[in-house]
Structure formats: C-alpha cells, structure tokens
Amino acid sequence: MPRDALVFSSLTELSRMIRSKRISPVELAQEHIARIKGLDAKLLSVITLTEELALEQARQAEKEISRSQYRGPLHGIPYGVKDLLDTKNIRTTWGLKHHGNRIPTEDATVVAKLGTAGGVLIAKLSMGELARGATWFGGTTRCPWDTTRSSGGSSAGPGAATAAGFVVFSIGSETMGSLLGPAAACGVTGLRPTYGRVSRAGAMALSWTIDKLGPMCRSVGDCAHVFDAIRGADPRDPSVVEVPHRWNPTLRLPKLRVGVVESEFDGVSDDRVKKVLMDAVAAIEKLGMTVKPIELPDYPYQAVFEMVRGAEAAVFFEELIQDGLDSLTDNAPRAWKNLLRVARFTPAVHYLKAQQVRTMMQTDVSRLMQEIDLWVAPAGGPATPIDRPAQEPRAAPRPAPQPRTLNLTNLTGQPALCLPAGFVDGLPIGTQLVGRSFDEQSLLALGHAYQQATGWHLRHPTLS
C-alpha cells in the first residue's frame, strides 16, 4: 500500500489489516513516527514524541495478535492525546512553558483505557496554553490545508495531527468549542460526548462542571470505536455515569426529526460558506429525515459561560495565579494572563446566579428535545490566517460566527458531532449535529449515513 494511503486510512480499515496480519503494528507505528519527524516542523502539532513507548506498545501488540490475543479495533493503532492528559513518566505541559518539565506519576483514565484497548501512544499533542487558542510555548499550531493559517484551538494539535496523517486518531477536550472548532478547521470528524460520559481524571481542569473529553478521527465510525473504549464510570471521577453504548453501522438508519437553527445559518457572512452548510442540511433531508426550523431559547449564553468558567478556572489555577502568571506568553487583553486575575474576584452570588440560569437553560432544552431528536448548526471554518498581510489583494473568507448552539450545548452538557461538510478555497468547512444527552447513538447513526452519502471526510491535505 502506498505510504499516503496507509497514513490516511481509517482506524476501521487499519484494524482489519492488523487483525489479518496484512500490516504489523510496529510497521504502522514506525511509519507515523517517521512522518511526524519529517513534517511536523511545518505544523508544530507535537509537543512530545513518545517514540520509545510507542515502539514498546507496538511490539507488545504484535506479539499478542500473533498469539490470537486480539483486544479489539484499537489494538496496534497509533494515536495521540492533547497535552492536558497525564501520561506516566512522560511530560504533560498543558501548553505552558512553566510546566515544560512536569512529569506525572500515573496515566489519566482515558490514557489508561486506551492502553487497555491496545492503542499505541505516539505523541502528546499541542494545545494553546492552559487550553486557550492554538499558541503554545513552541509556537502556533498550523492548519495542514494551509500552513499560513491556525489549526484552531485549543485542541490544536489533535486536529492538525489527525488531519495530517501523523496519528490515526486523537483525544481532544472541549469547554467551549475547543474540540469542534479545530475539527472543523482541519477537516476531521470530532465527537464531543455528553458531559459525564468520559472520565476527566488525570486531565487538566478548566471548568469542572463543563469540561469534556472526546475523539477526533477520520470518520464517524472511527469516533464510535474510540468513544466505546474511553467511555464509562470511573471511581476517580464521580461525575461520570455508566450508560450503555451500542454501535452497529449496518443497522437501518431510523427516521429522525432534525431541527435547523436558521438564525445561525443566516448569520454566516460568506455566501460560499453558507452554501456549503445549507448543502449539508439538504443532504441530511435526502436521507429521509424530517427537517424543520427551530429557534433556541433566549439567554445570555456567553455571560453565563464566562462567569462559570472564569470562577472555576481561578480555583484550579490558584497556585499559578499566586506565582504571578509571568510564565504565560500571551499578553492579549482576553488572554488567561489577564482573565484569571479578574476571575479570582468573582462574587459567589454571581457564580451561583449563573448556575441557576444554566439550570433554566437545561429545562428549556429538555422541552425542545421533545419536539426533535437532533439539530444541525454551523461548526466552523475556514481556518483563520495567522498573519494576514496588510495589503492582501483579496480578503480570505471570514470565519462563520461562533454559533449560539456552541454556547448553549456546552452549558447543558449535550453531545455534538462535527462533520466535514465541504470546502471553500481549498479549506474545510464543518457542520455540527447536536443530540439529546446520553444519546450519542443517534448522532453517530445520522453522521455515519451523512458521510456515506457525501464523502467529504475522505479528502486529506497534501504535505511535503
């Protein structure tokens, strides 16, 4: 198989090849490690290459499979994790120079579960410092489709590395768009599970009542397999509950009621981007779905989010704040260096009031979800230029505005799925599906059918 075909193959395809011994886990790991070494200088998506561990895990997988001790679809598959997940004896930096030599003594639960499933960890992937943006102490992570553009943040490395063929899949995190945004900008499929589905033990906390971890992959089917491996109750994280998950791509797709948040599509300023997104809605309708316009309940989403996240982040980073925050590199007005100083003085009454309003949001969304099964909204893209020349002859397409869907559903804890929906000027555009809490199955079923009908997820960037 040609090298490009191999590194851009799906998890599902590669697992079949490994199980049938058409390719060895060691070969696969070596191919991805070589690709990172040869090309990551263009993207800056890898903070730590875990080559020694990867080859050890790959050799172990090869031995087990040769003895017919096959663990499942992730066995022998190379992956990477956002560098906010602890890895035993391997540095975990949170994208922060101050933590450049921080060495955890145990794995995060998600890393441990992926190890149990037979995954091969080859890289700790970049993130904006303290999970904000795409700029970390090594630079700004680039979009593989156009390296003059950012890959999005804060799961910058997972988005770029997955799209570039450095890893077969990755784990990102989201508090407010940190997984869906880079997935859209980099043209990969991203699943943000329901809050309480995946343990965050061993992960840097930004907002413990909002944070979520999820897979970033090449297809919906790949996301389903990774999600199945990392979900489930964990005594280290009492917020997680055990809820069954069943993935069968051959089952007949049920007819679902799909809402369309028309105001968010109308708010897209670039007509070409809007056409891509509306074509995605049309493709969903052609699958036999009942599509109807909806409006979201009216709340001050951004204000509530910033109040909750700011207060909770100030608690988690209290020691860092007391150290003076001088180690943070970003000095912008909305950077953590400035936000954390202010957030530390949040009045308790304001924080509690925000949580009360959040409960009202959840009640209203529960009523809305009695009328529909899912809804569709813009997810993001195209990727944003890092340094746009002052006299650019024609402005690049403006990014779609951050949808209210993103603010609302991160506060309600609902699952969402980012799907590549098309391209504008060679740059990916993403759409998102949002479902009921703990109903990832419906999201994955519709997303899989959409990808089978469109094929946008099969495209990949060219790097040399």
Protein backbone atom coordinates (compact mmCIF):
# COMPACT_ATOMS: atom_id res chain seq x y z
CA MET A 1 0.00 0.00 0.00
CA PRO A 2 1.38 3.50 -0.86
CA ARG A 3 2.54 5.47 2.17
CA ASP A 4 -0.05 8.23 1.80
CA ALA A 5 -2.84 5.68 1.52
CA LEU A 6 -1.59 3.99 4.67
CA VAL A 7 -1.32 7.07 6.88
CA PHE A 8 -4.71 8.37 5.74
CA SER A 9 -6.51 5.06 6.14
CA SER A 10 -9.28 4.97 8.72
CA LEU A 11 -8.99 3.23 12.07
CA THR A 12 -11.61 0.77 10.87
CA GLU A 13 -9.57 -0.13 7.77
CA LEU A 14 -6.27 -0.37 9.63
CA SER A 15 -7.70 -2.55 12.39
CA ARG A 16 -8.84 -5.07 9.76
CA MET A 17 -5.35 -5.05 8.22
CA ILE A 18 -3.69 -5.54 11.60
CA ARG A 19 -6.00 -8.34 12.65
CA SER A 20 -5.49 -10.18 9.35
CA LYS A 21 -1.71 -9.57 9.67
CA ARG A 22 -1.50 -7.64 6.38
CA ILE A 23 0.41 -4.98 8.31
CA SER A 24 2.21 -5.09 11.61
CA PRO A 25 1.64 -2.61 14.46
CA VAL A 26 5.41 -1.97 14.51
CA GLU A 27 5.44 -1.01 10.82
CA LEU A 28 2.45 1.22 11.35
CA ALA A 29 3.99 2.98 14.35
CA GLN A 30 7.31 3.47 12.54
CA GLU A 31 5.53 4.96 9.52
CA HIS A 32 3.67 7.51 11.64
CA ILE A 33 6.72 8.38 13.74
CA ALA A 34 8.76 8.98 10.57
CA ARG A 35 6.00 11.21 9.19
CA ILE A 36 5.95 13.31 12.36
CA LYS A 37 9.74 13.68 12.29
CA GLY A 38 9.70 14.68 8.66
CA LEU A 39 6.76 17.06 8.58
CA ASP A 40 5.78 18.39 11.99
CA ALA A 41 8.19 21.32 11.73
CA LYS A 42 5.60 22.75 9.32
CA LEU A 43 2.67 22.30 11.73
CA LEU A 44 4.04 22.43 15.30
CA SER A 45 1.38 19.95 16.40
CA VAL A 46 3.54 17.68 18.60
CA ILE A 47 4.87 18.74 21.99
CA THR A 48 6.40 15.36 22.91
CA LEU A 49 7.07 12.45 20.56
CA THR A 50 6.71 9.26 22.63
CA GLU A 51 8.74 7.11 20.26
CA GLU A 52 10.21 4.69 22.80
CA LEU A 53 6.84 3.99 24.44
CA ALA A 54 5.12 3.67 21.06
CA LEU A 55 7.52 1.05 19.74
CA GLU A 56 7.30 -0.87 23.01
CA GLN A 57 3.49 -0.88 22.84
CA ALA A 58 3.54 -1.75 19.12
CA ARG A 59 5.86 -4.73 19.70
CA GLN A 60 3.60 -5.93 22.51
CA ALA A 61 0.53 -5.61 20.27
CA GLU A 62 2.29 -7.56 17.52
CA LYS A 63 3.14 -10.40 19.90
CA GLU A 64 -0.39 -10.58 21.27
CA ILE A 65 -2.02 -10.58 17.84
CA SER A 66 0.34 -13.29 16.62
CA ARG A 67 -0.95 -15.39 19.54
CA SER A 68 -4.58 -14.60 18.62
CA GLN A 69 -4.92 -12.36 21.68
CA TYR A 70 -6.72 -9.63 19.78
CA ARG A 71 -8.09 -6.89 22.05
CA GLY A 72 -10.38 -5.13 19.57
CA PRO A 73 -10.39 -2.41 16.90
CA LEU A 74 -7.86 -0.14 18.66
CA HIS A 75 -5.24 -2.87 19.08
CA GLY A 76 -1.98 -1.70 17.49
CA ILE A 77 -3.41 1.63 16.31
CA PRO A 78 -1.19 4.77 16.66
CA TYR A 79 -2.84 7.70 18.42
CA GLY A 80 -2.05 10.96 20.18
CA VAL A 81 -3.57 12.89 23.07
CA LYS A 82 -3.89 16.58 23.83
CA ASP A 83 -1.14 17.54 26.25
CA LEU A 84 -3.53 18.16 29.13
CA LEU A 85 -3.90 14.41 29.72
CA ASP A 86 -1.40 12.97 32.19
CA THR A 87 0.96 10.26 30.94
CA LYS A 88 3.03 8.29 33.42
CA ASN A 89 6.72 9.26 33.30
CA ILE A 90 6.13 11.41 30.20
CA ARG A 91 5.90 15.16 30.48
CA THR A 92 2.48 16.81 30.35
CA THR A 93 2.80 20.56 29.87
CA TRP A 94 -0.74 22.00 29.42
CA GLY A 95 0.85 24.01 26.59
CA LEU A 96 2.66 26.05 29.24
CA LYS A 97 6.41 26.69 29.39
CA HIS A 98 6.11 26.84 33.19
CA HIS A 99 5.16 23.11 33.09
CA GLY A 100 7.72 22.14 30.46
CA ASN A 101 9.27 19.57 32.80
CA ARG A 102 6.13 18.42 34.62
CA ILE A 103 6.25 14.59 34.81
CA PRO A 104 3.05 12.83 36.04
CA THR A 105 3.32 9.65 38.09
CA GLU A 106 0.24 7.95 36.60
CA ASP A 107 -1.83 7.93 33.45
CA ALA A 108 -5.08 9.81 33.03
CA THR A 109 -8.01 7.39 32.99
CA VAL A 110 -8.57 7.93 29.25
CA VAL A 111 -4.92 7.12 28.51
CA ALA A 112 -5.13 4.01 30.70
CA LYS A 113 -8.30 2.85 28.93
CA LEU A 114 -6.73 3.34 25.51
CA GLY A 115 -3.73 1.33 26.72
CA THR A 116 -6.06 -1.47 27.84
CA ALA A 117 -7.66 -1.40 24.39
CA GLY A 118 -4.22 -1.92 22.84
CA GLY A 119 -3.68 1.57 21.46
CA VAL A 120 -0.15 2.79 20.64
CA LEU A 121 0.57 6.26 22.04
CA ILE A 122 3.00 8.05 19.74
CA ALA A 123 2.57 11.73 20.63
CA LYS A 124 1.48 14.31 23.18
CA LEU A 125 -0.21 16.91 21.00
CA SER A 126 -0.18 20.68 21.20
CA MET A 127 -2.74 22.94 22.79
CA GLY A 128 -2.96 26.66 23.41
CA GLU A 129 -1.52 27.44 26.83
CA LEU A 130 -3.98 26.46 29.54
CA ALA A 131 -6.43 25.33 26.83
CA ARG A 132 -6.96 28.64 25.06
CA GLY A 133 -6.20 29.20 21.37
CA ALA A 134 -3.57 27.44 19.24
CA THR A 135 -0.40 29.14 20.52
CA TRP A 136 1.77 27.25 22.98
CA PHE A 137 5.36 27.71 24.13
CA GLY A 138 6.66 26.17 20.89
CA GLY A 139 4.67 28.42 18.52
CA THR A 140 1.27 28.43 16.84
CA THR A 141 -0.04 25.12 15.50
CA ARG A 142 -0.81 25.33 11.78
CA CYS A 143 -3.65 24.03 9.65
CA PRO A 144 -2.45 21.20 7.37
CA TRP A 145 -4.57 22.54 4.49
CA ASP A 146 -2.79 25.91 4.57
CA THR A 147 0.15 26.40 6.92
CA THR A 148 -0.32 30.18 6.94
CA ARG A 149 -3.47 29.52 8.99
CA SER A 150 -4.14 28.37 12.53
CA SER A 151 -5.46 24.88 13.18
CA GLY A 152 -7.89 26.33 15.72
CA GLY A 153 -7.85 25.86 19.46
CA SER A 154 -7.45 24.70 21.95
CA SER A 155 -7.29 21.10 20.67
CA ALA A 156 -4.93 22.45 18.04
CA GLY A 157 -2.53 19.52 17.89
CA PRO A 158 -5.18 16.79 17.83
CA GLY A 159 -6.97 18.48 14.92
CA ALA A 160 -3.82 19.14 12.88
CA ALA A 161 -2.09 15.81 13.61
CA THR A 162 -5.17 13.74 12.75
CA ALA A 163 -5.76 15.63 9.51
CA ALA A 164 -2.08 15.42 8.53
CA GLY A 165 -1.79 11.66 8.99
CA PHE A 166 0.52 11.87 12.00
CA VAL A 167 -1.89 9.81 14.10
CA VAL A 168 -4.85 7.62 13.23
CA PHE A 169 -6.96 9.27 15.92
CA SER A 170 -6.53 11.65 18.81
CA ILE A 171 -8.18 12.77 22.02
CA GLY A 172 -9.17 16.40 22.40
CA SER A 173 -11.11 18.33 25.01
CA GLU A 174 -13.81 20.96 24.98
CA THR A 175 -15.08 23.58 27.35
CA MET A 176 -16.34 25.96 24.66
CA GLY A 177 -15.52 24.87 21.10
CA SER A 178 -12.02 23.54 21.79
CA LEU A 179 -12.76 20.22 20.08
CA LEU A 180 -15.40 21.11 17.48
CA GLY A 181 -13.55 24.23 16.27
CA PRO A 182 -10.25 22.54 15.36
CA ALA A 183 -12.15 19.56 13.92
CA ALA A 184 -13.99 21.93 11.56
CA ALA A 185 -10.88 23.95 10.66
CA CYS A 186 -8.79 20.83 9.97
CA GLY A 187 -11.48 18.80 8.20
CA VAL A 188 -11.72 15.89 10.66
CA THR A 189 -14.65 14.28 12.47
CA GLY A 190 -14.94 15.18 16.14
CA LEU A 191 -17.26 13.79 18.80
CA ARG A 192 -17.91 15.83 21.92
CA PRO A 193 -19.66 13.33 24.19
CA THR A 194 -22.30 14.11 26.78
CA TYR A 195 -20.94 15.63 29.98
CA GLY A 196 -20.48 12.71 32.37
CA ARG A 197 -19.79 10.09 29.69
CA VAL A 198 -15.96 10.14 29.73
CA SER A 199 -13.73 10.39 32.79
CA ARG A 200 -11.59 13.51 33.14
CA ALA A 201 -9.41 12.06 35.90
CA GLY A 202 -5.82 12.98 35.17
CA ALA A 203 -6.81 15.81 32.82
CA MET A 204 -6.14 19.49 33.39
CA ALA A 205 -9.36 21.11 34.59
CA LEU A 206 -10.55 24.37 33.13
CA SER A 207 -14.17 24.22 34.26
CA TRP A 208 -15.04 21.02 36.10
CA THR A 209 -18.79 21.43 35.54
CA ILE A 210 -18.34 21.93 31.76
CA ASP A 211 -15.13 20.17 30.57
CA LYS A 212 -15.48 17.15 28.28
CA LEU A 213 -13.02 14.80 26.51
CA GLY A 214 -13.68 13.20 23.14
CA PRO A 215 -12.19 11.63 20.00
CA MET A 216 -11.04 13.37 16.83
CA CYS A 217 -10.91 10.94 13.92
CA ARG A 218 -11.20 10.44 10.16
CA SER A 219 -14.79 9.18 10.24
CA VAL A 220 -17.85 8.74 12.39
CA GLY A 221 -17.21 5.00 12.58
CA ASP A 222 -13.73 5.65 13.96
CA CYS A 223 -15.18 8.03 16.57
CA ALA A 224 -17.66 5.35 17.62
CA HIS A 225 -14.89 2.83 18.27
CA VAL A 226 -12.73 5.26 20.25
CA PHE A 227 -15.70 6.54 22.24
CA ASP A 228 -16.60 2.98 23.18
CA ALA A 229 -13.07 2.45 24.53
CA ILE A 230 -12.91 5.60 26.68
CA ARG A 231 -16.48 5.95 27.99
CA GLY A 232 -17.79 4.59 31.28
CA ALA A 233 -17.80 5.05 35.04
CA ASP A 234 -14.57 5.75 36.88
CA PRO A 235 -14.08 5.92 40.67
CA ARG A 236 -11.54 8.68 40.07
CA ASP A 237 -14.23 10.94 38.53
CA PRO A 238 -17.60 10.81 40.34
CA SER A 239 -19.28 12.92 37.66
CA VAL A 240 -19.15 10.00 35.20
CA VAL A 241 -22.06 7.59 34.88
CA GLU A 242 -22.32 4.18 33.21
CA VAL A 243 -24.71 4.29 30.24
CA PRO A 244 -24.77 1.60 27.53
CA HIS A 245 -23.42 2.42 24.08
CA ARG A 246 -24.15 0.30 21.04
CA TRP A 247 -22.59 0.96 17.66
CA ASN A 248 -23.70 -1.02 14.63
CA PRO A 249 -23.15 0.79 11.31
CA THR A 250 -25.16 -1.85 9.44
CA LEU A 251 -28.40 -1.17 11.30
CA ARG A 252 -31.08 0.63 9.36
CA LEU A 253 -30.99 4.38 9.98
CA PRO A 254 -34.11 5.44 11.89
CA LYS A 255 -36.13 8.38 10.59
CA LEU A 256 -35.16 11.23 12.87
CA ARG A 257 -36.66 14.66 13.46
CA VAL A 258 -33.92 17.18 12.75
CA GLY A 259 -34.15 20.84 13.73
CA VAL A 260 -32.33 23.56 11.80
CA VAL A 261 -31.25 26.67 13.71
CA GLU A 262 -31.96 29.05 10.82
CA SER A 263 -30.70 32.17 12.59
CA GLU A 264 -27.21 30.67 12.83
CA PHE A 265 -27.07 29.82 9.14
CA ASP A 266 -28.39 33.29 8.30
CA GLY A 267 -25.60 34.77 10.41
CA VAL A 268 -22.86 33.28 8.19
CA SER A 269 -21.44 36.29 6.32
CA ASP A 270 -19.69 34.47 3.46
CA ASP A 271 -22.19 33.21 0.87
CA ARG A 272 -19.89 30.39 -0.22
CA VAL A 273 -19.57 29.09 3.33
CA LYS A 274 -23.32 29.41 3.79
CA LYS A 275 -23.96 27.37 0.62
CA VAL A 276 -21.70 24.56 1.88
CA LEU A 277 -23.63 24.48 5.16
CA MET A 278 -27.06 24.57 3.52
CA ASP A 279 -26.00 21.78 1.14
CA ALA A 280 -25.23 19.72 4.24
CA VAL A 281 -28.75 20.32 5.53
CA ALA A 282 -30.15 19.27 2.14
CA ALA A 283 -28.05 16.09 2.21
CA ILE A 284 -29.47 15.23 5.65
CA GLU A 285 -33.01 15.78 4.38
CA LYS A 286 -32.31 13.48 1.40
CA LEU A 287 -31.51 10.69 3.86
CA GLY A 288 -35.21 10.65 4.72
CA MET A 289 -35.05 12.86 7.79
CA THR A 290 -37.84 15.23 8.77
CA VAL A 291 -36.24 18.69 8.81
CA LYS A 292 -37.89 21.69 10.48
CA PRO A 293 -36.73 25.17 11.52
CA ILE A 294 -36.20 25.77 15.24
CA GLU A 295 -35.13 28.62 17.49
CA LEU A 296 -33.04 28.24 20.61
CA PRO A 297 -34.21 29.59 23.98
CA ASP A 298 -33.09 33.17 24.58
CA TYR A 299 -30.47 33.52 27.32
CA PRO A 300 -27.23 35.47 27.87
CA TYR A 301 -25.20 32.37 26.98
CA GLN A 302 -21.79 33.97 26.78
CA ALA A 303 -22.15 35.85 30.06
CA VAL A 304 -23.25 32.71 31.91
CA PHE A 305 -20.42 30.68 30.41
CA GLU A 306 -17.74 33.22 31.23
CA MET A 307 -18.96 33.55 34.81
CA VAL A 308 -18.92 29.78 35.41
CA ARG A 309 -15.68 29.02 33.57
CA GLY A 310 -13.83 32.02 34.99
CA ALA A 311 -14.62 31.25 38.62
CA GLU A 312 -13.85 27.54 38.27
CA ALA A 313 -10.60 28.16 36.35
CA ALA A 314 -9.47 30.64 39.00
CA VAL A 315 -9.85 27.95 41.66
CA PHE A 316 -7.96 25.29 39.69
CA PHE A 317 -5.14 27.65 38.72
CA GLU A 318 -4.89 29.38 42.11
CA GLU A 319 -1.29 28.31 42.65
CA LEU A 320 -0.31 29.51 39.18
CA ILE A 321 -2.04 32.86 39.81
CA GLN A 322 -0.19 33.26 43.09
CA ASP A 323 3.08 32.62 41.26
CA GLY A 324 2.32 35.71 39.21
CA LEU A 325 1.30 34.26 35.81
CA ASP A 326 4.58 35.56 34.39
CA SER A 327 5.23 32.24 32.63
CA LEU A 328 2.24 32.74 30.30
CA THR A 329 3.33 34.03 26.90
CA ASP A 330 0.05 35.50 25.59
CA ASN A 331 -0.44 39.11 26.73
CA ALA A 332 -3.63 39.90 24.80
CA PRO A 333 -6.47 41.55 26.76
CA ARG A 334 -8.56 38.36 26.59
CA ALA A 335 -5.65 36.01 27.33
CA TRP A 336 -5.51 33.92 30.50
CA LYS A 337 -2.82 36.15 31.98
CA ASN A 338 -5.45 38.88 32.31
CA LEU A 339 -8.68 36.87 32.60
CA LEU A 340 -7.53 34.80 35.58
CA ARG A 341 -6.57 37.85 37.60
CA VAL A 342 -10.11 39.21 37.24
CA ALA A 343 -11.89 35.84 37.62
CA ARG A 344 -10.31 35.29 41.02
CA PHE A 345 -12.52 38.05 42.41
CA THR A 346 -15.84 36.68 41.09
CA PRO A 347 -18.55 37.18 43.78
CA ALA A 348 -20.09 33.91 44.96
CA VAL A 349 -23.59 35.30 44.38
CA HIS A 350 -22.79 35.95 40.70
CA TYR A 351 -21.41 32.42 40.22
CA LEU A 352 -24.47 30.85 41.86
CA LYS A 353 -26.84 33.04 39.86
CA ALA A 354 -25.13 31.89 36.65
CA GLN A 355 -25.65 28.27 37.69
CA GLN A 356 -29.34 28.98 38.35
CA VAL A 357 -29.75 30.42 34.85
CA ARG A 358 -27.88 27.41 33.49
CA THR A 359 -30.46 25.11 35.11
CA MET A 360 -33.21 27.09 33.37
CA MET A 361 -31.43 26.57 30.06
CA GLN A 362 -31.31 22.82 30.64
CA THR A 363 -35.04 22.74 31.38
CA ASP A 364 -35.90 24.66 28.21
CA VAL A 365 -33.66 22.47 26.07
CA SER A 366 -35.31 19.36 27.50
CA ARG A 367 -38.65 20.73 26.28
CA LEU A 368 -37.16 21.45 22.84
CA MET A 369 -35.81 17.91 22.58
CA GLN A 370 -39.34 16.54 22.98
CA GLU A 371 -40.09 18.04 19.55
CA ILE A 372 -36.91 16.93 17.75
CA ASP A 373 -34.28 14.20 18.03
CA LEU A 374 -31.29 16.25 16.83
CA TRP A 375 -30.47 19.67 15.50
CA VAL A 376 -27.96 20.94 12.97
CA ALA A 377 -25.92 24.15 13.10
CA PRO A 378 -22.62 25.56 11.74
CA ALA A 379 -19.47 24.21 13.40
CA GLY A 380 -16.76 26.50 11.99
CA GLY A 381 -14.25 27.11 9.26
CA PRO A 382 -12.45 28.14 7.23
CA ALA A 383 -9.25 28.23 9.27
CA THR A 384 -8.14 31.69 10.38
CA PRO A 385 -4.98 33.30 8.92
CA ILE A 386 -2.18 33.61 11.48
CA ASP A 387 -0.54 36.69 9.95
CA ARG A 388 -2.59 38.25 7.17
CA PRO A 389 -0.52 40.67 5.02
CA ALA A 390 -1.56 44.31 5.34
CA GLN A 391 -2.18 44.68 1.58
CA GLU A 392 -3.71 41.33 0.75
CA PRO A 393 -5.32 41.67 -2.72
CA ARG A 394 -8.49 39.83 -1.69
CA ALA A 395 -9.57 39.12 1.84
CA ALA A 396 -9.88 35.46 2.76
CA PRO A 397 -13.35 34.17 3.64
CA ARG A 398 -14.40 35.34 7.07
CA PRO A 399 -14.97 32.57 9.60
CA ALA A 400 -18.53 31.73 10.48
CA PRO A 401 -19.56 33.41 13.73
CA GLN A 402 -19.46 31.32 16.89
CA PRO A 403 -22.94 29.78 16.97
CA ARG A 404 -25.22 30.14 19.97
CA THR A 405 -25.53 26.36 19.74
CA LEU A 406 -21.93 26.06 20.92
CA ASN A 407 -22.52 28.23 23.98
CA LEU A 408 -25.83 26.62 24.90
CA THR A 409 -24.93 22.97 24.48
CA ASN A 410 -21.65 23.17 26.36
CA LEU A 411 -23.62 24.55 29.30
CA THR A 412 -26.37 21.92 29.00
CA GLY A 413 -23.83 19.12 28.51
CA GLN A 414 -25.36 17.72 25.30
CA PRO A 415 -23.31 15.67 22.83
CA ALA A 416 -22.28 17.11 19.47
CA LEU A 417 -20.65 15.74 16.33
CA CYS A 418 -18.57 17.83 13.90
CA LEU A 419 -18.67 16.64 10.29
CA PRO A 420 -16.65 17.88 7.31
CA ALA A 421 -19.26 19.46 5.02
CA GLY A 422 -17.28 20.83 2.07
CA PHE A 423 -14.59 23.30 1.11
CA VAL A 424 -14.16 26.98 0.27
CA ASP A 425 -10.90 27.99 -1.42
CA GLY A 426 -9.48 24.59 -0.52
CA LEU A 427 -10.24 24.99 3.19
CA PRO A 428 -12.62 22.71 5.12
CA ILE A 429 -15.98 23.84 6.46
CA GLY A 430 -17.67 21.93 9.28
CA THR A 431 -21.26 21.40 10.32
CA GLN A 432 -22.41 20.03 13.64
CA LEU A 433 -25.17 17.75 14.86
CA VAL A 434 -26.42 18.11 18.44
CA GLY A 435 -28.38 15.39 20.23
CA ARG A 436 -30.05 14.52 23.49
CA SER A 437 -27.84 13.88 26.49
CA PHE A 438 -26.53 10.28 26.53
CA ASP A 439 -27.90 9.64 23.02
CA GLU A 440 -24.63 9.52 21.10
CA GLN A 441 -26.08 6.61 19.15
CA SER A 442 -28.48 8.80 17.15
CA LEU A 443 -25.75 11.34 16.43
CA LEU A 444 -23.38 8.65 15.21
CA ALA A 445 -26.04 6.90 13.14
CA LEU A 446 -27.02 10.06 11.26
CA GLY A 447 -23.43 11.26 10.97
CA HIS A 448 -22.33 7.91 9.52
CA ALA A 449 -25.15 7.94 6.96
CA TYR A 450 -24.25 11.52 6.01
CA GLN A 451 -20.61 10.59 5.45
CA GLN A 452 -21.55 7.58 3.35
CA ALA A 453 -23.70 9.85 1.17
CA THR A 454 -21.22 12.75 0.81
CA GLY A 455 -17.63 11.54 1.20
CA TRP A 456 -16.18 14.90 2.33
CA HIS A 457 -14.35 13.12 5.17
CA LEU A 458 -12.30 11.13 2.65
CA ARG A 459 -10.32 14.16 1.47
CA HIS A 460 -6.97 14.89 3.05
CA PRO A 461 -4.32 17.65 2.79
CA THR A 462 -1.05 17.35 0.91
CA LEU A 463 2.11 17.99 2.92
CA SER A 464 5.65 17.66 1.62
